[in-house]
Amino acid sequence: MGRSSALINLLLPAFPLLVGLLVTLLFPRFHALPNAILLPIYVSVAGGALVLASKVPRFASGHWVSFGAAGLPIWARVAYYLGYTLLVCSVLAALAFLVATH
C-alpha cells in the first residue's frame, strides 16, 4: 500500500481527539468544567497511542492498512482492543459531559 493508506491508518485513532476538541470549542458550557473535559481527551489520546503502538508490527512488515487484530502478536492484540475500548469510553464520556452540562 502507499503512503496515503498509511496516513489514513495513522490518523484514524486521532479522530475521537479531534471530535473532543471540537466539542469543547463549539459548546461554551464545557468551559465551565475545564478539568472535567480534559478526561475524555486524555483517555482518547491514550487509546489512540495504544492502537498506534499495536499497529507498529504490521507497519514494520509492510502492511500499511489492516483491519482487526489478525496477524498481530498477543501483546499487540491486547493493546489493540484496550486502545479501542479507551476510545469508545472517551466518546461516551464526552457525550455524558455534553448531556450533563446541557
PDB file of N, CA and C in Angstrom:
ATOM      1  N   MET A   1       0.829  -1.177   0.000  1.00  0.00           N
ATOM      2  CA  MET A   1       0.000   0.000   0.000  1.00  0.00           C
ATOM      3  C   MET A   1       0.878   1.246   0.000  1.00  0.00           C
ATOM      4  N   GLY A   2       0.270   2.357  -0.356  1.00  0.00           N
ATOM      5  CA  GLY A   2       1.019   3.601  -0.479  1.00  0.00           C
ATOM      6  C   GLY A   2       1.047   4.415   0.794  1.00  0.00           C
ATOM      7  N   ARG A   3       1.634   5.585   0.657  1.00  0.00           N
ATOM      8  CA  ARG A   3       1.762   6.465   1.820  1.00  0.00           C
ATOM      9  C   ARG A   3       0.421   7.017   2.269  1.00  0.00           C
ATOM     10  N   SER A   4      -0.490   7.235   1.332  1.00  0.00           N
ATOM     11  CA  SER A   4      -1.797   7.765   1.728  1.00  0.00           C
ATOM     12  C   SER A   4      -2.547   6.767   2.602  1.00  0.00           C
ATOM     13  N   SER A   5      -2.414   5.479   2.322  1.00  0.00           N
ATOM     14  CA  SER A   5      -3.052   4.465   3.158  1.00  0.00           C
ATOM     15  C   SER A   5      -2.458   4.465   4.559  1.00  0.00           C
ATOM     16  N   ALA A   6      -1.152   4.636   4.637  1.00  0.00           N
ATOM     17  CA  ALA A   6      -0.504   4.686   5.946  1.00  0.00           C
ATOM     18  C   ALA A   6      -0.957   5.912   6.715  1.00  0.00           C
ATOM     19  N   LEU A   7      -1.106   7.027   6.034  1.00  0.00           N
ATOM     20  CA  LEU A   7      -1.557   8.251   6.691  1.00  0.00           C
ATOM     21  C   LEU A   7      -2.973   8.088   7.233  1.00  0.00           C
ATOM     22  N   ILE A   8      -3.835   7.465   6.465  1.00  0.00           N
ATOM     23  CA  ILE A   8      -5.207   7.229   6.917  1.00  0.00           C
ATOM     24  C   ILE A   8      -5.197   6.322   8.142  1.00  0.00           C
ATOM     25  N   ASN A   9      -4.383   5.286   8.124  1.00  0.00           N
ATOM     26  CA  ASN A   9      -4.311   4.351   9.247  1.00  0.00           C
ATOM     27  C   ASN A   9      -3.738   5.020  10.494  1.00  0.00           C
ATOM     28  N   LEU A  10      -2.862   5.991  10.331  1.00  0.00           N
ATOM     29  CA  LEU A  10      -2.311   6.703  11.473  1.00  0.00           C
ATOM     30  C   LEU A  10      -3.279   7.747  12.022  1.00  0.00           C
ATOM     31  N   LEU A  11      -4.061   8.377  11.162  1.00  0.00           N
ATOM     32  CA  LEU A  11      -4.954   9.442  11.599  1.00  0.00           C
ATOM     33  C   LEU A  11      -6.280   8.918  12.146  1.00  0.00           C
ATOM     34  N   LEU A  12      -6.629   7.686  11.825  1.00  0.00           N
ATOM     35  CA  LEU A  12      -7.898   7.132  12.289  1.00  0.00           C
ATOM     36  C   LEU A  12      -8.048   7.154  13.808  1.00  0.00           C
ATOM     37  N   PRO A  13      -7.032   6.757  14.583  1.00  0.00           N
ATOM     38  CA  PRO A  13      -7.187   6.834  16.041  1.00  0.00           C
ATOM     39  C   PRO A  13      -7.259   8.264  16.573  1.00  0.00           C
ATOM     40  N   ALA A  14      -6.827   9.251  15.793  1.00  0.00           N
ATOM     41  CA  ALA A  14      -6.862  10.641  16.251  1.00  0.00           C
ATOM     42  C   ALA A  14      -8.248  11.260  16.101  1.00  0.00           C
ATOM     43  N   PHE A  15      -9.166  10.594  15.429  1.00  0.00           N
ATOM     44  CA  PHE A  15     -10.492  11.157  15.186  1.00  0.00           C
ATOM     45  C   PHE A  15     -11.247  11.503  16.475  1.00  0.00           C
ATOM     46  N   PRO A  16     -11.322  10.615  17.477  1.00  0.00           N
ATOM     47  CA  PRO A  16     -12.032  10.999  18.706  1.00  0.00           C
ATOM     48  C   PRO A  16     -11.402  12.201  19.409  1.00  0.00           C
ATOM     49  N   LEU A  17     -10.089  12.340  19.341  1.00  0.00           N
ATOM     50  CA  LEU A  17      -9.439  13.506  19.927  1.00  0.00           C
ATOM     51  C   LEU A  17      -9.899  14.771  19.224  1.00  0.00           C
ATOM     52  N   LEU A  18      -9.964  14.742  17.920  1.00  0.00           N
ATOM     53  CA  LEU A  18     -10.423  15.907  17.171  1.00  0.00           C
ATOM     54  C   LEU A  18     -11.880  16.226  17.484  1.00  0.00           C
ATOM     55  N   VAL A  19     -12.704  15.202  17.611  1.00  0.00           N
ATOM     56  CA  VAL A  19     -14.103  15.417  17.961  1.00  0.00           C
ATOM     57  C   VAL A  19     -14.203  16.027  19.360  1.00  0.00           C
ATOM     58  N   GLY A  20     -13.409  15.539  20.294  1.00  0.00           N
ATOM     59  CA  GLY A  20     -13.412  16.105  21.645  1.00  0.00           C
ATOM     60  C   GLY A  20     -12.998  17.563  21.665  1.00  0.00           C
ATOM     61  N   LEU A  21     -11.990  17.901  20.875  1.00  0.00           N
ATOM     62  CA  LEU A  21     -11.571  19.304  20.801  1.00  0.00           C
ATOM     63  C   LEU A  21     -12.637  20.177  20.166  1.00  0.00           C
ATOM     64  N   LEU A  22     -13.301  19.662  19.143  1.00  0.00           N
ATOM     65  CA  LEU A  22     -14.379  20.429  18.525  1.00  0.00           C
ATOM     66  C   LEU A  22     -15.543  20.645  19.484  1.00  0.00           C
ATOM     67  N   VAL A  23     -15.846  19.618  20.270  1.00  0.00           N
ATOM     68  CA  VAL A  23     -16.933  19.743  21.241  1.00  0.00           C
ATOM     69  C   VAL A  23     -16.610  20.843  22.245  1.00  0.00           C
ATOM     70  N   THR A  24     -15.375  20.917  22.708  1.00  0.00           N
ATOM     71  CA  THR A  24     -15.020  21.944  23.687  1.00  0.00           C
ATOM     72  C   THR A  24     -15.045  23.332  23.069  1.00  0.00           C
ATOM     73  N   LEU A  25     -14.762  23.436  21.794  1.00  0.00           N
ATOM     74  CA  LEU A  25     -14.790  24.739  21.144  1.00  0.00           C
ATOM     75  C   LEU A  25     -16.202  25.169  20.766  1.00  0.00           C
ATOM     76  N   LEU A  26     -17.043  24.205  20.391  1.00  0.00           N
ATOM     77  CA  LEU A  26     -18.372  24.550  19.907  1.00  0.00           C
ATOM     78  C   LEU A  26     -19.403  24.728  21.011  1.00  0.00           C
ATOM     79  N   PHE A  27     -19.202  24.121  22.138  1.00  0.00           N
ATOM     80  CA  PHE A  27     -20.177  24.207  23.217  1.00  0.00           C
ATOM     81  C   PHE A  27     -19.568  24.977  24.384  1.00  0.00           C
ATOM     82  N   PRO A  28     -19.913  26.255  24.519  1.00  0.00           N
ATOM     83  CA  PRO A  28     -19.297  27.094  25.552  1.00  0.00           C
ATOM     84  C   PRO A  28     -19.536  26.607  26.977  1.00  0.00           C
ATOM     85  N   ARG A  29     -20.542  25.812  27.204  1.00  0.00           N
ATOM     86  CA  ARG A  29     -20.798  25.331  28.564  1.00  0.00           C
ATOM     87  C   ARG A  29     -19.681  24.418  29.063  1.00  0.00           C
ATOM     88  N   PHE A  30     -18.932  23.843  28.142  1.00  0.00           N
ATOM     89  CA  PHE A  30     -17.830  22.989  28.554  1.00  0.00           C
ATOM     90  C   PHE A  30     -16.705  23.783  29.206  1.00  0.00           C
ATOM     91  N   HIS A  31     -16.630  25.068  28.911  1.00  0.00           N
ATOM     92  CA  HIS A  31     -15.576  25.879  29.511  1.00  0.00           C
ATOM     93  C   HIS A  31     -15.798  26.082  31.012  1.00  0.00           C
ATOM     94  N   ALA A  32     -17.004  25.810  31.472  1.00  0.00           N
ATOM     95  CA  ALA A  32     -17.269  25.891  32.908  1.00  0.00           C
ATOM     96  C   ALA A  32     -16.618  24.724  33.656  1.00  0.00           C
ATOM     97  N   LEU A  33     -16.364  23.643  32.954  1.00  0.00           N
ATOM     98  CA  LEU A  33     -15.741  22.461  33.550  1.00  0.00           C
ATOM     99  C   LEU A  33     -14.440  22.123  32.811  1.00  0.00           C
ATOM    100  N   PRO A  34     -13.432  23.000  32.837  1.00  0.00           N
ATOM    101  CA  PRO A  34     -12.236  22.739  32.015  1.00  0.00           C
ATOM    102  C   PRO A  34     -11.480  21.485  32.413  1.00  0.00           C
ATOM    103  N   ASN A  35     -11.426  21.186  33.699  1.00  0.00           N
ATOM    104  CA  ASN A  35     -10.693  19.984  34.117  1.00  0.00           C
ATOM    105  C   ASN A  35     -11.459  18.712  33.775  1.00  0.00           C
ATOM    106  N   ALA A  36     -12.775  18.771  33.825  1.00  0.00           N
ATOM    107  CA  ALA A  36     -13.581  17.590  33.546  1.00  0.00           C
ATOM    108  C   ALA A  36     -13.521  17.218  32.064  1.00  0.00           C
ATOM    109  N   ILE A  37     -13.463  18.199  31.186  1.00  0.00           N
ATOM    110  CA  ILE A  37     -13.444  17.885  29.760  1.00  0.00           C
ATOM    111  C   ILE A  37     -12.090  17.324  29.341  1.00  0.00           C
ATOM    112  N   LEU A  38     -11.069  17.548  30.119  1.00  0.00           N
ATOM    113  CA  LEU A  38      -9.761  17.007  29.780  1.00  0.00           C
ATOM    114  C   LEU A  38      -9.706  15.488  29.940  1.00  0.00           C
ATOM    115  N   LEU A  39     -10.541  14.941  30.788  1.00  0.00           N
ATOM    116  CA  LEU A  39     -10.550  13.494  30.989  1.00  0.00           C
ATOM    117  C   LEU A  39     -10.818  12.729  29.690  1.00  0.00           C
ATOM    118  N   PRO A  40     -11.904  13.028  28.945  1.00  0.00           N
ATOM    119  CA  PRO A  40     -12.102  12.289  27.691  1.00  0.00           C
ATOM    120  C   PRO A  40     -10.977  12.518  26.678  1.00  0.00           C
ATOM    121  N   ILE A  41     -10.392  13.700  26.698  1.00  0.00           N
ATOM    122  CA  ILE A  41      -9.308  13.968  25.757  1.00  0.00           C
ATOM    123  C   ILE A  41      -8.087  13.135  26.103  1.00  0.00           C
ATOM    124  N   TYR A  42      -7.723  13.074  27.380  1.00  0.00           N
ATOM    125  CA  TYR A  42      -6.581  12.265  27.795  1.00  0.00           C
ATOM    126  C   TYR A  42      -6.813  10.780  27.532  1.00  0.00           C
ATOM    127  N   VAL A  43      -8.026  10.309  27.804  1.00  0.00           N
ATOM    128  CA  VAL A  43      -8.352   8.898  27.571  1.00  0.00           C
ATOM    129  C   VAL A  43      -8.295   8.602  26.073  1.00  0.00           C
ATOM    130  N   SER A  44      -8.758   9.533  25.258  1.00  0.00           N
ATOM    131  CA  SER A  44      -8.715   9.364  23.813  1.00  0.00           C
ATOM    132  C   SER A  44      -7.276   9.310  23.301  1.00  0.00           C
ATOM    133  N   VAL A  45      -6.426  10.177  23.813  1.00  0.00           N
ATOM    134  CA  VAL A  45      -5.016  10.162  23.408  1.00  0.00           C
ATOM    135  C   VAL A  45      -4.357   8.844  23.814  1.00  0.00           C
ATOM    136  N   ALA A  46      -4.651   8.374  25.019  1.00  0.00           N
ATOM    137  CA  ALA A  46      -4.082   7.102  25.476  1.00  0.00           C
ATOM    138  C   ALA A  46      -4.564   5.949  24.597  1.00  0.00           C
ATOM    139  N   GLY A  47      -5.848   5.932  24.264  1.00  0.00           N
ATOM    140  CA  GLY A  47      -6.382   4.882  23.404  1.00  0.00           C
ATOM    141  C   GLY A  47      -5.778   4.921  22.014  1.00  0.00           C
ATOM    142  N   GLY A  48      -5.641   6.127  21.463  1.00  0.00           N
ATOM    143  CA  GLY A  48      -5.022   6.256  20.140  1.00  0.00           C
ATOM    144  C   GLY A  48      -3.576   5.809  20.146  1.00  0.00           C
ATOM    145  N   ALA A  49      -2.857   6.129  21.216  1.00  0.00           N
ATOM    146  CA  ALA A  49      -1.457   5.708  21.329  1.00  0.00           C
ATOM    147  C   ALA A  49      -1.354   4.184  21.413  1.00  0.00           C
ATOM    148  N   LEU A  50      -2.273   3.550  22.138  1.00  0.00           N
ATOM    149  CA  LEU A  50      -2.252   2.084  22.232  1.00  0.00           C
ATOM    150  C   LEU A  50      -2.554   1.435  20.877  1.00  0.00           C
ATOM    151  N   VAL A  51      -3.524   1.983  20.150  1.00  0.00           N
ATOM    152  CA  VAL A  51      -3.845   1.431  18.833  1.00  0.00           C
ATOM    153  C   VAL A  51      -2.661   1.610  17.891  1.00  0.00           C
ATOM    154  N   LEU A  52      -2.060   2.781  17.920  1.00  0.00           N
ATOM    155  CA  LEU A  52      -0.901   3.032  17.069  1.00  0.00           C
ATOM    156  C   LEU A  52       0.263   2.109  17.433  1.00  0.00           C
ATOM    157  N   ALA A  53       0.524   1.943  18.723  1.00  0.00           N
ATOM    158  CA  ALA A  53       1.609   1.058  19.158  1.00  0.00           C
ATOM    159  C   ALA A  53       1.337  -0.390  18.758  1.00  0.00           C
ATOM    160  N   SER A  54       0.072  -0.794  18.779  1.00  0.00           N
ATOM    161  CA  SER A  54      -0.241  -2.169  18.406  1.00  0.00           C
ATOM    162  C   SER A  54      -0.088  -2.405  16.908  1.00  0.00           C
ATOM    163  N   LYS A  55      -0.169  -1.354  16.112  1.00  0.00           N
ATOM    164  CA  LYS A  55      -0.037  -1.486  14.660  1.00  0.00           C
ATOM    165  C   LYS A  55       1.404  -1.428  14.176  1.00  0.00           C
ATOM    166  N   VAL A  56       2.345  -1.068  15.034  1.00  0.00           N
ATOM    167  CA  VAL A  56       3.748  -0.947  14.626  1.00  0.00           C
ATOM    168  C   VAL A  56       4.284  -2.240  14.009  1.00  0.00           C
ATOM    169  N   PRO A  57       4.005  -3.431  14.575  1.00  0.00           N
ATOM    170  CA  PRO A  57       4.497  -4.651  13.916  1.00  0.00           C
ATOM    171  C   PRO A  57       3.946  -4.833  12.490  1.00  0.00           C
ATOM    172  N   ARG A  58       2.716  -4.414  12.269  1.00  0.00           N
ATOM    173  CA  ARG A  58       2.129  -4.506  10.922  1.00  0.00           C
ATOM    174  C   ARG A  58       2.800  -3.521   9.983  1.00  0.00           C
ATOM    175  N   PHE A  59       3.082  -2.314  10.470  1.00  0.00           N
ATOM    176  CA  PHE A  59       3.775  -1.325   9.649  1.00  0.00           C
ATOM    177  C   PHE A  59       5.171  -1.811   9.298  1.00  0.00           C
ATOM    178  N   ALA A  60       5.840  -2.411  10.272  1.00  0.00           N
ATOM    179  CA  ALA A  60       7.206  -2.892  10.051  1.00  0.00           C
ATOM    180  C   ALA A  60       7.254  -4.009   9.008  1.00  0.00           C
ATOM    181  N   SER A  61       6.181  -4.799   8.929  1.00  0.00           N
ATOM    182  CA  SER A  61       6.153  -5.888   7.942  1.00  0.00           C
ATOM    183  C   SER A  61       5.661  -5.424   6.578  1.00  0.00           C
ATOM    184  N   GLY A  62       5.330  -4.129   6.442  1.00  0.00           N
ATOM    185  CA  GLY A  62       4.928  -3.593   5.144  1.00  0.00           C
ATOM    186  C   GLY A  62       3.435  -3.579   4.899  1.00  0.00           C
ATOM    187  N   HIS A  63       2.646  -3.980   5.862  1.00  0.00           N
ATOM    188  CA  HIS A  63       1.184  -3.933   5.736  1.00  0.00           C
ATOM    189  C   HIS A  63       0.693  -2.615   6.317  1.00  0.00           C
ATOM    190  N   TRP A  64       0.419  -1.641   5.455  1.00  0.00           N
ATOM    191  CA  TRP A  64       0.073  -0.306   5.931  1.00  0.00           C
ATOM    192  C   TRP A  64      -1.393  -0.182   6.310  1.00  0.00           C
ATOM    193  N   VAL A  65      -2.241  -0.987   5.714  1.00  0.00           N
ATOM    194  CA  VAL A  65      -3.663  -0.945   6.060  1.00  0.00           C
ATOM    195  C   VAL A  65      -4.080  -2.331   6.503  1.00  0.00           C
ATOM    196  N   SER A  66      -4.635  -2.413   7.684  1.00  0.00           N
ATOM    197  CA  SER A  66      -5.142  -3.686   8.180  1.00  0.00           C
ATOM    198  C   SER A  66      -6.350  -3.388   9.052  1.00  0.00           C
ATOM    199  N   PHE A  67      -7.269  -4.304   9.044  1.00  0.00           N
ATOM    200  CA  PHE A  67      -8.474  -4.153   9.844  1.00  0.00           C
ATOM    201  C   PHE A  67      -8.542  -5.310  10.818  1.00  0.00           C
ATOM    202  N   GLY A  68      -8.685  -4.981  12.082  1.00  0.00           N
ATOM    203  CA  GLY A  68      -8.745  -6.012  13.099  1.00  0.00           C
ATOM    204  C   GLY A  68      -7.368  -6.361  13.625  1.00  0.00           C
ATOM    205  N   ALA A  69      -7.356  -7.327  14.512  1.00  0.00           N
ATOM    206  CA  ALA A  69      -6.119  -7.711  15.188  1.00  0.00           C
ATOM    207  C   ALA A  69      -5.502  -8.982  14.616  1.00  0.00           C
ATOM    208  N   ALA A  70      -5.989  -9.415  13.466  1.00  0.00           N
ATOM    209  CA  ALA A  70      -5.458 -10.642  12.875  1.00  0.00           C
ATOM    210  C   ALA A  70      -3.993 -10.446  12.490  1.00  0.00           C
ATOM    211  N   GLY A  71      -3.171 -11.401  12.840  1.00  0.00           N
ATOM    212  CA  GLY A  71      -1.768 -11.354  12.488  1.00  0.00           C
ATOM    213  C   GLY A  71      -0.900 -10.564  13.450  1.00  0.00           C
ATOM    214  N   LEU A  72      -1.477 -10.068  14.518  1.00  0.00           N
ATOM    215  CA  LEU A  72      -0.698  -9.314  15.500  1.00  0.00           C
ATOM    216  C   LEU A  72      -0.230 -10.237  16.619  1.00  0.00           C
ATOM    217  N   PRO A  73       0.915  -9.925  17.231  1.00  0.00           N
ATOM    218  CA  PRO A  73       1.330 -10.692  18.411  1.00  0.00           C
ATOM    219  C   PRO A  73       0.335 -10.497  19.561  1.00  0.00           C
ATOM    220  N   ILE A  74       0.427 -11.341  20.561  1.00  0.00           N
ATOM    221  CA  ILE A  74      -0.534 -11.300  21.675  1.00  0.00           C
ATOM    222  C   ILE A  74      -0.527  -9.942  22.363  1.00  0.00           C
ATOM    223  N   TRP A  75       0.661  -9.384  22.645  1.00  0.00           N
ATOM    224  CA  TRP A  75       0.717  -8.093  23.336  1.00  0.00           C
ATOM    225  C   TRP A  75       0.057  -7.006  22.491  1.00  0.00           C
ATOM    226  N   ALA A  76       0.207  -7.097  21.161  1.00  0.00           N
ATOM    227  CA  ALA A  76      -0.381  -6.093  20.287  1.00  0.00           C
ATOM    228  C   ALA A  76      -1.899  -6.245  20.211  1.00  0.00           C
ATOM    229  N   ARG A  77      -2.378  -7.475  20.290  1.00  0.00           N
ATOM    230  CA  ARG A  77      -3.829  -7.689  20.299  1.00  0.00           C
ATOM    231  C   ARG A  77      -4.454  -7.091  21.547  1.00  0.00           C
ATOM    232  N   VAL A  78      -3.794  -7.306  22.685  1.00  0.00           N
ATOM    233  CA  VAL A  78      -4.299  -6.739  23.939  1.00  0.00           C
ATOM    234  C   VAL A  78      -4.289  -5.209  23.858  1.00  0.00           C
ATOM    235  N   ALA A  79      -3.198  -4.639  23.360  1.00  0.00           N
ATOM    236  CA  ALA A  79      -3.106  -3.180  23.223  1.00  0.00           C
ATOM    237  C   ALA A  79      -4.141  -2.664  22.233  1.00  0.00           C
ATOM    238  N   TYR A  80      -4.384  -3.398  21.158  1.00  0.00           N
ATOM    239  CA  TYR A  80      -5.356  -3.008  20.140  1.00  0.00           C
ATOM    240  C   TYR A  80      -6.764  -2.921  20.733  1.00  0.00           C
ATOM    241  N   TYR A  81      -7.181  -3.983  21.400  1.00  0.00           N
ATOM    242  CA  TYR A  81      -8.531  -3.997  21.965  1.00  0.00           C
ATOM    243  C   TYR A  81      -8.665  -3.027  23.132  1.00  0.00           C
ATOM    244  N   LEU A  82      -7.640  -2.903  23.951  1.00  0.00           N
ATOM    245  CA  LEU A  82      -7.678  -1.940  25.045  1.00  0.00           C
ATOM    246  C   LEU A  82      -7.718  -0.510  24.505  1.00  0.00           C
ATOM    247  N   GLY A  83      -6.970  -0.247  23.453  1.00  0.00           N
ATOM    248  CA  GLY A  83      -6.966   1.078  22.847  1.00  0.00           C
ATOM    249  C   GLY A  83      -8.330   1.465  22.316  1.00  0.00           C
ATOM    250  N   TYR A  84      -8.966   0.567  21.583  1.00  0.00           N
ATOM    251  CA  TYR A  84     -10.298   0.885  21.070  1.00  0.00           C
ATOM    252  C   TYR A  84     -11.334   0.958  22.187  1.00  0.00           C
ATOM    253  N   THR A  85     -11.149   0.192  23.250  1.00  0.00           N
ATOM    254  CA  THR A  85     -12.043   0.310  24.403  1.00  0.00           C
ATOM    255  C   THR A  85     -11.917   1.693  25.027  1.00  0.00           C
ATOM    256  N   LEU A  86     -10.687   2.179  25.163  1.00  0.00           N
ATOM    257  CA  LEU A  86     -10.484   3.525  25.702  1.00  0.00           C
ATOM    258  C   LEU A  86     -11.065   4.593  24.780  1.00  0.00           C
ATOM    259  N   LEU A  87     -10.958   4.402  23.466  1.00  0.00           N
ATOM    260  CA  LEU A  87     -11.528   5.365  22.524  1.00  0.00           C
ATOM    261  C   LEU A  87     -13.046   5.428  22.656  1.00  0.00           C
ATOM    262  N   VAL A  88     -13.674   4.279  22.789  1.00  0.00           N
ATOM    263  CA  VAL A  88     -15.134   4.254  22.952  1.00  0.00           C
ATOM    264  C   VAL A  88     -15.517   4.911  24.280  1.00  0.00           C
ATOM    265  N   CYS A  89     -14.766   4.621  25.335  1.00  0.00           N
ATOM    266  CA  CYS A  89     -15.050   5.236  26.638  1.00  0.00           C
ATOM    267  C   CYS A  89     -14.887   6.752  26.588  1.00  0.00           C
ATOM    268  N   SER A  90     -13.909   7.232  25.829  1.00  0.00           N
ATOM    269  CA  SER A  90     -13.714   8.682  25.740  1.00  0.00           C
ATOM    270  C   SER A  90     -14.868   9.350  25.010  1.00  0.00           C
ATOM    271  N   VAL A  91     -15.376   8.716  23.977  1.00  0.00           N
ATOM    272  CA  VAL A  91     -16.527   9.280  23.260  1.00  0.00           C
ATOM    273  C   VAL A  91     -17.754   9.283  24.167  1.00  0.00           C
ATOM    274  N   LEU A  92     -17.963   8.184  24.902  1.00  0.00           N
ATOM    275  CA  LEU A  92     -19.109   8.129  25.819  1.00  0.00           C
ATOM    276  C   LEU A  92     -18.985   9.163  26.932  1.00  0.00           C
ATOM    277  N   ALA A  93     -17.771   9.371  27.439  1.00  0.00           N
ATOM    278  CA  ALA A  93     -17.568  10.375  28.481  1.00  0.00           C
ATOM    279  C   ALA A  93     -17.823  11.778  27.942  1.00  0.00           C
ATOM    280  N   ALA A  94     -17.384  12.060  26.719  1.00  0.00           N
ATOM    281  CA  ALA A  94     -17.635  13.370  26.119  1.00  0.00           C
ATOM    282  C   ALA A  94     -19.133  13.600  25.939  1.00  0.00           C
ATOM    283  N   LEU A  95     -19.844  12.564  25.500  1.00  0.00           N
ATOM    284  CA  LEU A  95     -21.295  12.681  25.366  1.00  0.00           C
ATOM    285  C   LEU A  95     -21.974  12.869  26.715  1.00  0.00           C
ATOM    286  N   ALA A  96     -21.478  12.192  27.740  1.00  0.00           N
ATOM    287  CA  ALA A  96     -22.043  12.336  29.073  1.00  0.00           C
ATOM    288  C   ALA A  96     -21.839  13.757  29.595  1.00  0.00           C
ATOM    289  N   PHE A  97     -20.676  14.352  29.356  1.00  0.00           N
ATOM    290  CA  PHE A  97     -20.451  15.735  29.765  1.00  0.00           C
ATOM    291  C   PHE A  97     -21.347  16.680  28.981  1.00  0.00           C
ATOM    292  N   LEU A  98     -21.584  16.380  27.721  1.00  0.00           N
ATOM    293  CA  LEU A  98     -22.488  17.198  26.921  1.00  0.00           C
ATOM    294  C   LEU A  98     -23.892  17.180  27.499  1.00  0.00           C
ATOM    295  N   VAL A  99     -24.373  15.999  27.836  1.00  0.00           N
ATOM    296  CA  VAL A  99     -25.726  15.863  28.403  1.00  0.00           C
ATOM    297  C   VAL A  99     -25.780  16.518  29.799  1.00  0.00           C
ATOM    298  N   ALA A 100     -24.740  16.348  30.587  1.00  0.00           N
ATOM    299  CA  ALA A 100     -24.738  16.884  31.954  1.00  0.00           C
ATOM    300  C   ALA A 100     -24.712  18.402  31.979  1.00  0.00           C
ATOM    301  N   THR A 101     -24.081  19.015  31.007  1.00  0.00           N
ATOM    302  CA  THR A 101     -23.979  20.478  31.011  1.00  0.00           C
ATOM    303  C   THR A 101     -25.053  21.135  30.181  1.00  0.00           C
ATOM    304  N   HIS A 102     -25.863  20.388  29.536  1.00  0.00           N
ATOM    305  CA  HIS A 102     -26.902  20.973  28.697  1.00  0.00           C
ATOM    306  C   HIS A 102     -28.150  21.287  29.452  1.00  0.00           C
TER     307      HIS A 102
END
